[in-house]
Amino acid sequence: MIQKKYVIKDELGLHARPAAKIVNKLKEFDADFKIKVNDKLVNMSSIMILLSLKLTVDKKIEIRIEGKEEQTALSRLEELFLEMKFCYPV
């Protein structure tokens, strides 16, 4: 398992369009993705689950990935985050 912390920098926080891009990107990998916000740890497989976290600007999150492609998945996910200017590593 690998994990990495990020801070949300998109002024709009997480809304439907970036949530959909994230969930679609995760489907490309043989790995289990979880996100931790405060003390809540949830699976990242659903747009609705991600939206329910109400991720706003400056919120700190932790991404946890476990599986055969975890390192590649983290790299690609981070590329997507940076491309969308959604969040940055802490």
PDB file of N, CA and C in Angstrom:
ATOM      1  N   MET A   1       0.853  -1.185   0.000  1.00  0.00           N
ATOM      2  CA  MET A   1       0.000   0.000   0.000  1.00  0.00           C
ATOM      3  C   MET A   1       0.892   1.239   0.000  1.00  0.00           C
ATOM      4  N   ILE A   2       0.471   2.221  -0.791  1.00  0.00           N
ATOM      5  CA  ILE A   2       1.142   3.521  -0.773  1.00  0.00           C
ATOM      6  C   ILE A   2       0.103   4.577  -0.426  1.00  0.00           C
ATOM      7  N   GLN A   3       0.578   5.646   0.152  1.00  0.00           N
ATOM      8  CA  GLN A   3      -0.328   6.737   0.514  1.00  0.00           C
ATOM      9  C   GLN A   3       0.395   8.056   0.334  1.00  0.00           C
ATOM     10  N   LYS A   4      -0.391   9.083   0.035  1.00  0.00           N
ATOM     11  CA  LYS A   4       0.172  10.411  -0.166  1.00  0.00           C
ATOM     12  C   LYS A   4      -0.862  11.454   0.215  1.00  0.00           C
ATOM     13  N   LYS A   5      -0.376  12.545   0.797  1.00  0.00           N
ATOM     14  CA  LYS A   5      -1.252  13.628   1.234  1.00  0.00           C
ATOM     15  C   LYS A   5      -1.259  14.764   0.226  1.00  0.00           C
ATOM     16  N   TYR A   6      -2.437  15.382   0.110  1.00  0.00           N
ATOM     17  CA  TYR A   6      -2.639  16.485  -0.820  1.00  0.00           C
ATOM     18  C   TYR A   6      -3.469  17.566  -0.138  1.00  0.00           C
ATOM     19  N   VAL A   7      -3.462  18.740  -0.735  1.00  0.00           N
ATOM     20  CA  VAL A   7      -4.343  19.826  -0.299  1.00  0.00           C
ATOM     21  C   VAL A   7      -5.120  20.307  -1.523  1.00  0.00           C
ATOM     22  N   ILE A   8      -6.427  20.484  -1.349  1.00  0.00           N
ATOM     23  CA  ILE A   8      -7.302  20.932  -2.433  1.00  0.00           C
ATOM     24  C   ILE A   8      -7.004  22.402  -2.729  1.00  0.00           C
ATOM     25  N   LYS A   9      -6.793  22.715  -4.006  1.00  0.00           N
ATOM     26  CA  LYS A   9      -6.492  24.092  -4.390  1.00  0.00           C
ATOM     27  C   LYS A   9      -7.492  24.673  -5.382  1.00  0.00           C
ATOM     28  N   ASP A  10      -8.373  23.869  -5.910  1.00  0.00           N
ATOM     29  CA  ASP A  10      -9.413  24.375  -6.817  1.00  0.00           C
ATOM     30  C   ASP A  10     -10.392  25.206  -5.999  1.00  0.00           C
ATOM     31  N   GLU A  11     -10.598  26.441  -6.398  1.00  0.00           N
ATOM     32  CA  GLU A  11     -11.493  27.345  -5.666  1.00  0.00           C
ATOM     33  C   GLU A  11     -12.917  26.793  -5.552  1.00  0.00           C
ATOM     34  N   LEU A  12     -13.321  25.969  -6.503  1.00  0.00           N
ATOM     35  CA  LEU A  12     -14.661  25.382  -6.473  1.00  0.00           C
ATOM     36  C   LEU A  12     -14.712  24.089  -5.659  1.00  0.00           C
ATOM     37  N   GLY A  13     -13.559  23.623  -5.209  1.00  0.00           N
ATOM     38  CA  GLY A  13     -13.525  22.353  -4.497  1.00  0.00           C
ATOM     39  C   GLY A  13     -13.778  21.212  -5.476  1.00  0.00           C
ATOM     40  N   LEU A  14     -14.228  20.103  -4.957  1.00  0.00           N
ATOM     41  CA  LEU A  14     -14.525  18.964  -5.819  1.00  0.00           C
ATOM     42  C   LEU A  14     -15.986  19.028  -6.243  1.00  0.00           C
ATOM     43  N   HIS A  15     -16.207  19.136  -7.547  1.00  0.00           N
ATOM     44  CA  HIS A  15     -17.567  19.136  -8.087  1.00  0.00           C
ATOM     45  C   HIS A  15     -17.672  18.013  -9.101  1.00  0.00           C
ATOM     46  N   ALA A  16     -18.798  17.902  -9.773  1.00  0.00           N
ATOM     47  CA  ALA A  16     -19.111  16.724 -10.591  1.00  0.00           C
ATOM     48  C   ALA A  16     -18.100  16.433 -11.700  1.00  0.00           C
ATOM     49  N   ARG A  17     -17.680  17.430 -12.431  1.00  0.00           N
ATOM     50  CA  ARG A  17     -16.787  17.176 -13.570  1.00  0.00           C
ATOM     51  C   ARG A  17     -15.444  16.572 -13.129  1.00  0.00           C
ATOM     52  N   PRO A  18     -14.716  17.181 -12.173  1.00  0.00           N
ATOM     53  CA  PRO A  18     -13.460  16.554 -11.766  1.00  0.00           C
ATOM     54  C   PRO A  18     -13.674  15.211 -11.057  1.00  0.00           C
ATOM     55  N   ALA A  19     -14.766  15.082 -10.326  1.00  0.00           N
ATOM     56  CA  ALA A  19     -15.047  13.798  -9.664  1.00  0.00           C
ATOM     57  C   ALA A  19     -15.206  12.696 -10.702  1.00  0.00           C
ATOM     58  N   ALA A  20     -15.893  12.991 -11.795  1.00  0.00           N
ATOM     59  CA  ALA A  20     -16.079  12.012 -12.865  1.00  0.00           C
ATOM     60  C   ALA A  20     -14.746  11.659 -13.521  1.00  0.00           C
ATOM     61  N   LYS A  21     -13.896  12.652 -13.753  1.00  0.00           N
ATOM     62  CA  LYS A  21     -12.580  12.394 -14.341  1.00  0.00           C
ATOM     63  C   LYS A  21     -11.741  11.502 -13.431  1.00  0.00           C
ATOM     64  N   ILE A  22     -11.796  11.763 -12.140  1.00  0.00           N
ATOM     65  CA  ILE A  22     -11.027  10.964 -11.182  1.00  0.00           C
ATOM     66  C   ILE A  22     -11.512   9.523 -11.181  1.00  0.00           C
ATOM     67  N   VAL A  23     -12.818   9.322 -11.041  1.00  0.00           N
ATOM     68  CA  VAL A  23     -13.377   7.968 -11.001  1.00  0.00           C
ATOM     69  C   VAL A  23     -13.073   7.215 -12.296  1.00  0.00           C
ATOM     70  N   ASN A  24     -13.189   7.876 -13.432  1.00  0.00           N
ATOM     71  CA  ASN A  24     -12.874   7.225 -14.713  1.00  0.00           C
ATOM     72  C   ASN A  24     -11.400   6.851 -14.807  1.00  0.00           C
ATOM     73  N   LYS A  25     -10.515   7.688 -14.309  1.00  0.00           N
ATOM     74  CA  LYS A  25      -9.082   7.392 -14.330  1.00  0.00           C
ATOM     75  C   LYS A  25      -8.784   6.168 -13.460  1.00  0.00           C
ATOM     76  N   LEU A  26      -9.429   6.058 -12.318  1.00  0.00           N
ATOM     77  CA  LEU A  26      -9.171   4.944 -11.399  1.00  0.00           C
ATOM     78  C   LEU A  26      -9.544   3.601 -12.005  1.00  0.00           C
ATOM     79  N   LYS A  27     -10.524   3.601 -12.890  1.00  0.00           N
ATOM     80  CA  LYS A  27     -10.973   2.357 -13.528  1.00  0.00           C
ATOM     81  C   LYS A  27      -9.907   1.740 -14.421  1.00  0.00           C
ATOM     82  N   GLU A  28      -8.877   2.510 -14.762  1.00  0.00           N
ATOM     83  CA  GLU A  28      -7.820   2.027 -15.643  1.00  0.00           C
ATOM     84  C   GLU A  28      -6.823   1.112 -14.941  1.00  0.00           C
ATOM     85  N   PHE A  29      -6.887   1.024 -13.617  1.00  0.00           N
ATOM     86  CA  PHE A  29      -5.847   0.334 -12.860  1.00  0.00           C
ATOM     87  C   PHE A  29      -6.389  -0.806 -12.004  1.00  0.00           C
ATOM     88  N   ASP A  30      -5.540  -1.817 -11.845  1.00  0.00           N
ATOM     89  CA  ASP A  30      -5.849  -2.950 -10.978  1.00  0.00           C
ATOM     90  C   ASP A  30      -5.356  -2.599  -9.571  1.00  0.00           C
ATOM     91  N   ALA A  31      -6.158  -1.796  -8.885  1.00  0.00           N
ATOM     92  CA  ALA A  31      -5.797  -1.327  -7.545  1.00  0.00           C
ATOM     93  C   ALA A  31      -7.058  -0.863  -6.820  1.00  0.00           C
ATOM     94  N   ASP A  32      -6.942  -0.796  -5.502  1.00  0.00           N
ATOM     95  CA  ASP A  32      -8.030  -0.324  -4.647  1.00  0.00           C
ATOM     96  C   ASP A  32      -7.675   1.085  -4.193  1.00  0.00           C
ATOM     97  N   PHE A  33      -8.572   2.035  -4.412  1.00  0.00           N
ATOM     98  CA  PHE A  33      -8.324   3.435  -4.092  1.00  0.00           C
ATOM     99  C   PHE A  33      -9.227   3.880  -2.948  1.00  0.00           C
ATOM    100  N   LYS A  34      -8.608   4.517  -1.965  1.00  0.00           N
ATOM    101  CA  LYS A  34      -9.370   5.079  -0.856  1.00  0.00           C
ATOM    102  C   LYS A  34      -8.904   6.517  -0.621  1.00  0.00           C
ATOM    103  N   ILE A  35      -9.815   7.303  -0.075  1.00  0.00           N
ATOM    104  CA  ILE A  35      -9.496   8.685   0.269  1.00  0.00           C
ATOM    105  C   ILE A  35      -9.853   8.897   1.728  1.00  0.00           C
ATOM    106  N   LYS A  36      -8.942   9.556   2.443  1.00  0.00           N
ATOM    107  CA  LYS A  36      -9.176   9.863   3.856  1.00  0.00           C
ATOM    108  C   LYS A  36      -9.305  11.370   3.999  1.00  0.00           C
ATOM    109  N   VAL A  37     -10.410  11.782   4.600  1.00  0.00           N
ATOM    110  CA  VAL A  37     -10.672  13.190   4.885  1.00  0.00           C
ATOM    111  C   VAL A  37     -11.053  13.254   6.356  1.00  0.00           C
ATOM    112  N   ASN A  38     -10.303  14.036   7.123  1.00  0.00           N
ATOM    113  CA  ASN A  38     -10.458  14.045   8.574  1.00  0.00           C
ATOM    114  C   ASN A  38     -10.287  12.608   9.057  1.00  0.00           C
ATOM    115  N   ASP A  39     -11.248  12.025   9.709  1.00  0.00           N
ATOM    116  CA  ASP A  39     -11.140  10.643  10.171  1.00  0.00           C
ATOM    117  C   ASP A  39     -11.970   9.683   9.334  1.00  0.00           C
ATOM    118  N   LYS A  40     -12.473  10.146   8.211  1.00  0.00           N
ATOM    119  CA  LYS A  40     -13.343   9.332   7.358  1.00  0.00           C
ATOM    120  C   LYS A  40     -12.544   8.749   6.198  1.00  0.00           C
ATOM    121  N   LEU A  41     -12.548   7.414   6.083  1.00  0.00           N
ATOM    122  CA  LEU A  41     -11.850   6.714   5.007  1.00  0.00           C
ATOM    123  C   LEU A  41     -12.892   6.022   4.142  1.00  0.00           C
ATOM    124  N   VAL A  42     -12.945   6.387   2.842  1.00  0.00           N
ATOM    125  CA  VAL A  42     -13.956   5.816   1.951  1.00  0.00           C
ATOM    126  C   VAL A  42     -13.326   5.388   0.630  1.00  0.00           C
ATOM    127  N   ASN A  43     -14.020   4.497  -0.050  1.00  0.00           N
ATOM    128  CA  ASN A  43     -13.616   4.022  -1.354  1.00  0.00           C
ATOM    129  C   ASN A  43     -13.851   5.133  -2.381  1.00  0.00           C
ATOM    130  N   MET A  44     -12.969   5.244  -3.368  1.00  0.00           N
ATOM    131  CA  MET A  44     -13.067   6.306  -4.375  1.00  0.00           C
ATOM    132  C   MET A  44     -13.750   5.842  -5.657  1.00  0.00           C
ATOM    133  N   SER A  45     -14.492   4.762  -5.622  1.00  0.00           N
ATOM    134  CA  SER A  45     -15.053   4.178  -6.841  1.00  0.00           C
ATOM    135  C   SER A  45     -16.319   4.860  -7.353  1.00  0.00           C
ATOM    136  N   SER A  46     -16.867   5.791  -6.586  1.00  0.00           N
ATOM    137  CA  SER A  46     -18.146   6.390  -6.950  1.00  0.00           C
ATOM    138  C   SER A  46     -18.074   7.914  -6.932  1.00  0.00           C
ATOM    139  N   ILE A  47     -18.636   8.515  -7.960  1.00  0.00           N
ATOM    140  CA  ILE A  47     -18.722   9.973  -8.016  1.00  0.00           C
ATOM    141  C   ILE A  47     -19.522  10.488  -6.817  1.00  0.00           C
ATOM    142  N   MET A  48     -20.611   9.819  -6.511  1.00  0.00           N
ATOM    143  CA  MET A  48     -21.475  10.273  -5.403  1.00  0.00           C
ATOM    144  C   MET A  48     -20.748  10.223  -4.063  1.00  0.00           C
ATOM    145  N   ILE A  49     -19.949   9.190  -3.850  1.00  0.00           N
ATOM    146  CA  ILE A  49     -19.183   9.101  -2.598  1.00  0.00           C
ATOM    147  C   ILE A  49     -18.204  10.267  -2.512  1.00  0.00           C
ATOM    148  N   LEU A  50     -17.503  10.537  -3.612  1.00  0.00           N
ATOM    149  CA  LEU A  50     -16.546  11.648  -3.603  1.00  0.00           C
ATOM    150  C   LEU A  50     -17.240  12.980  -3.353  1.00  0.00           C
ATOM    151  N   LEU A  51     -18.361  13.202  -4.010  1.00  0.00           N
ATOM    152  CA  LEU A  51     -19.088  14.467  -3.819  1.00  0.00           C
ATOM    153  C   LEU A  51     -19.611  14.613  -2.395  1.00  0.00           C
ATOM    154  N   SER A  52     -19.967  13.497  -1.770  1.00  0.00           N
ATOM    155  CA  SER A  52     -20.503  13.552  -0.404  1.00  0.00           C
ATOM    156  C   SER A  52     -19.455  14.006   0.614  1.00  0.00           C
ATOM    157  N   LEU A  53     -18.180  13.964   0.243  1.00  0.00           N
ATOM    158  CA  LEU A  53     -17.117  14.392   1.157  1.00  0.00           C
ATOM    159  C   LEU A  53     -17.022  15.910   1.276  1.00  0.00           C
ATOM    160  N   LYS A  54     -17.679  16.615   0.348  1.00  0.00           N
ATOM    161  CA  LYS A  54     -17.699  18.083   0.361  1.00  0.00           C
ATOM    162  C   LYS A  54     -16.278  18.660   0.475  1.00  0.00           C
ATOM    163  N   LEU A  55     -15.434  18.267  -0.481  1.00  0.00           N
ATOM    164  CA  LEU A  55     -14.051  18.715  -0.481  1.00  0.00           C
ATOM    165  C   LEU A  55     -13.969  20.145  -0.991  1.00  0.00           C
ATOM    166  N   THR A  56     -13.559  21.039  -0.125  1.00  0.00           N
ATOM    167  CA  THR A  56     -13.471  22.456  -0.441  1.00  0.00           C
ATOM    168  C   THR A  56     -12.008  22.895  -0.474  1.00  0.00           C
ATOM    169  N   VAL A  57     -11.774  24.099  -0.975  1.00  0.00           N
ATOM    170  CA  VAL A  57     -10.421  24.623  -1.084  1.00  0.00           C
ATOM    171  C   VAL A  57      -9.715  24.585   0.277  1.00  0.00           C
ATOM    172  N   ASP A  58      -8.447  24.242   0.253  1.00  0.00           N
ATOM    173  CA  ASP A  58      -7.558  24.127   1.418  1.00  0.00           C
ATOM    174  C   ASP A  58      -7.833  22.918   2.310  1.00  0.00           C
ATOM    175  N   LYS A  59      -8.758  22.060   1.911  1.00  0.00           N
ATOM    176  CA  LYS A  59      -9.013  20.824   2.668  1.00  0.00           C
ATOM    177  C   LYS A  59      -7.872  19.857   2.405  1.00  0.00           C
ATOM    178  N   LYS A  60      -7.379  19.198   3.458  1.00  0.00           N
ATOM    179  CA  LYS A  60      -6.309  18.210   3.314  1.00  0.00           C
ATOM    180  C   LYS A  60      -6.915  16.824   3.166  1.00  0.00           C
ATOM    181  N   ILE A  61      -6.359  16.059   2.229  1.00  0.00           N
ATOM    182  CA  ILE A  61      -6.827  14.698   1.978  1.00  0.00           C
ATOM    183  C   ILE A  61      -5.631  13.756   1.924  1.00  0.00           C
ATOM    184  N   GLU A  62      -5.922  12.482   2.084  1.00  0.00           N
ATOM    185  CA  GLU A  62      -4.883  11.466   1.931  1.00  0.00           C
ATOM    186  C   GLU A  62      -5.414  10.401   0.980  1.00  0.00           C
ATOM    187  N   ILE A  63      -4.638  10.067  -0.026  1.00  0.00           N
ATOM    188  CA  ILE A  63      -5.005   9.033  -0.983  1.00  0.00           C
ATOM    189  C   ILE A  63      -4.240   7.764  -0.618  1.00  0.00           C
ATOM    190  N   ARG A  64      -4.948   6.639  -0.557  1.00  0.00           N
ATOM    191  CA  ARG A  64      -4.324   5.342  -0.289  1.00  0.00           C
ATOM    192  C   ARG A  64      -4.631   4.413  -1.447  1.00  0.00           C
ATOM    193  N   ILE A  65      -3.581   3.781  -1.950  1.00  0.00           N
ATOM    194  CA  ILE A  65      -3.735   2.873  -3.085  1.00  0.00           C
ATOM    195  C   ILE A  65      -3.061   1.552  -2.748  1.00  0.00           C
ATOM    196  N   GLU A  66      -3.788   0.478  -3.035  1.00  0.00           N
ATOM    197  CA  GLU A  66      -3.240  -0.852  -2.792  1.00  0.00           C
ATOM    198  C   GLU A  66      -3.572  -1.740  -3.981  1.00  0.00           C
ATOM    199  N   GLY A  67      -2.566  -2.422  -4.509  1.00  0.00           N
ATOM    200  CA  GLY A  67      -2.794  -3.317  -5.628  1.00  0.00           C
ATOM    201  C   GLY A  67      -1.575  -3.464  -6.505  1.00  0.00           C
ATOM    202  N   LYS A  68      -1.717  -4.265  -7.533  1.00  0.00           N
ATOM    203  CA  LYS A  68      -0.600  -4.567  -8.434  1.00  0.00           C
ATOM    204  C   LYS A  68      -0.020  -3.331  -9.106  1.00  0.00           C
ATOM    205  N   GLU A  69      -0.859  -2.388  -9.446  1.00  0.00           N
ATOM    206  CA  GLU A  69      -0.414  -1.207 -10.192  1.00  0.00           C
ATOM    207  C   GLU A  69      -0.403   0.059  -9.336  1.00  0.00           C
ATOM    208  N   GLU A  70      -0.201  -0.099  -8.038  1.00  0.00           N
ATOM    209  CA  GLU A  70      -0.358   1.055  -7.148  1.00  0.00           C
ATOM    210  C   GLU A  70       0.591   2.212  -7.469  1.00  0.00           C
ATOM    211  N   GLN A  71       1.846   1.934  -7.774  1.00  0.00           N
ATOM    212  CA  GLN A  71       2.791   3.017  -8.042  1.00  0.00           C
ATOM    213  C   GLN A  71       2.442   3.751  -9.333  1.00  0.00           C
ATOM    214  N   THR A  72       2.138   3.004 -10.382  1.00  0.00           N
ATOM    215  CA  THR A  72       1.736   3.611 -11.652  1.00  0.00           C
ATOM    216  C   THR A  72       0.438   4.390 -11.470  1.00  0.00           C
ATOM    217  N   ALA A  73      -0.497   3.810 -10.735  1.00  0.00           N
ATOM    218  CA  ALA A  73      -1.781   4.467 -10.504  1.00  0.00           C
ATOM    219  C   ALA A  73      -1.591   5.796  -9.780  1.00  0.00           C
ATOM    220  N   LEU A  74      -0.725   5.818  -8.768  1.00  0.00           N
ATOM    221  CA  LEU A  74      -0.485   7.060  -8.042  1.00  0.00           C
ATOM    222  C   LEU A  74       0.117   8.120  -8.965  1.00  0.00           C
ATOM    223  N   SER A  75       1.068   7.717  -9.789  1.00  0.00           N
ATOM    224  CA  SER A  75       1.687   8.668 -10.718  1.00  0.00           C
ATOM    225  C   SER A  75       0.662   9.258 -11.685  1.00  0.00           C
ATOM    226  N   ARG A  76      -0.178   8.412 -12.253  1.00  0.00           N
ATOM    227  CA  ARG A  76      -1.182   8.875 -13.223  1.00  0.00           C
ATOM    228  C   ARG A  76      -2.255   9.735 -12.553  1.00  0.00           C
ATOM    229  N   LEU A  77      -2.642   9.345 -11.344  1.00  0.00           N
ATOM    230  CA  LEU A  77      -3.643  10.120 -10.614  1.00  0.00           C
ATOM    231  C   LEU A  77      -3.083  11.502 -10.275  1.00  0.00           C
ATOM    232  N   GLU A  78      -1.833  11.533  -9.854  1.00  0.00           N
ATOM    233  CA  GLU A  78      -1.219  12.820  -9.538  1.00  0.00           C
ATOM    234  C   GLU A  78      -1.100  13.697 -10.788  1.00  0.00           C
ATOM    235  N   GLU A  79      -0.775  13.095 -11.935  1.00  0.00           N
ATOM    236  CA  GLU A  79      -0.740  13.847 -13.188  1.00  0.00           C
ATOM    237  C   GLU A  79      -2.108  14.466 -13.483  1.00  0.00           C
ATOM    238  N   LEU A  80      -3.165  13.690 -13.255  1.00  0.00           N
ATOM    239  CA  LEU A  80      -4.518  14.198 -13.473  1.00  0.00           C
ATOM    240  C   LEU A  80      -4.830  15.353 -12.527  1.00  0.00           C
ATOM    241  N   PHE A  81      -4.472  15.199 -11.250  1.00  0.00           N
ATOM    242  CA  PHE A  81      -4.695  16.267 -10.271  1.00  0.00           C
ATOM    243  C   PHE A  81      -4.019  17.561 -10.727  1.00  0.00           C
ATOM    244  N   LEU A  82      -2.778  17.448 -11.170  1.00  0.00           N
ATOM    245  CA  LEU A  82      -2.030  18.633 -11.589  1.00  0.00           C
ATOM    246  C   LEU A  82      -2.593  19.228 -12.875  1.00  0.00           C
ATOM    247  N   GLU A  83      -2.981  18.363 -13.791  1.00  0.00           N
ATOM    248  CA  GLU A  83      -3.581  18.823 -15.058  1.00  0.00           C
ATOM    249  C   GLU A  83      -4.868  19.607 -14.797  1.00  0.00           C
ATOM    250  N   MET A  84      -5.671  19.128 -13.848  1.00  0.00           N
ATOM    251  CA  MET A  84      -6.935  19.789 -13.523  1.00  0.00           C
ATOM    252  C   MET A  84      -6.725  20.973 -12.557  1.00  0.00           C
ATOM    253  N   LYS A  85      -5.508  21.108 -12.036  1.00  0.00           N
ATOM    254  CA  LYS A  85      -5.201  22.115 -11.005  1.00  0.00           C
ATOM    255  C   LYS A  85      -6.137  21.954  -9.812  1.00  0.00           C
ATOM    256  N   PHE A  86      -6.405  20.685  -9.493  1.00  0.00           N
ATOM    257  CA  PHE A  86      -7.349  20.345  -8.428  1.00  0.00           C
ATOM    258  C   PHE A  86      -6.690  20.343  -7.053  1.00  0.00           C
ATOM    259  N   CYS A  87      -5.598  19.601  -6.923  1.00  0.00           N
ATOM    260  CA  CYS A  87      -4.910  19.559  -5.641  1.00  0.00           C
ATOM    261  C   CYS A  87      -3.425  19.322  -5.859  1.00  0.00           C
ATOM    262  N   TYR A  88      -2.654  19.589  -4.813  1.00  0.00           N
ATOM    263  CA  TYR A  88      -1.198  19.490  -4.901  1.00  0.00           C
ATOM    264  C   TYR A  88      -0.680  18.713  -3.691  1.00  0.00           C
ATOM    265  N   PRO A  89       0.466  18.029  -3.876  1.00  0.00           N
ATOM    266  CA  PRO A  89       1.039  17.290  -2.739  1.00  0.00           C
ATOM    267  C   PRO A  89       1.377  18.221  -1.583  1.00  0.00           C
ATOM    268  N   VAL A  90       1.235  17.696  -0.392  1.00  0.00           N
ATOM    269  CA  VAL A  90       1.560  18.472   0.812  1.00  0.00           C
ATOM    270  C   VAL A  90       3.025  18.229   1.141  1.00  0.00           C
TER     271      VAL A  90
END
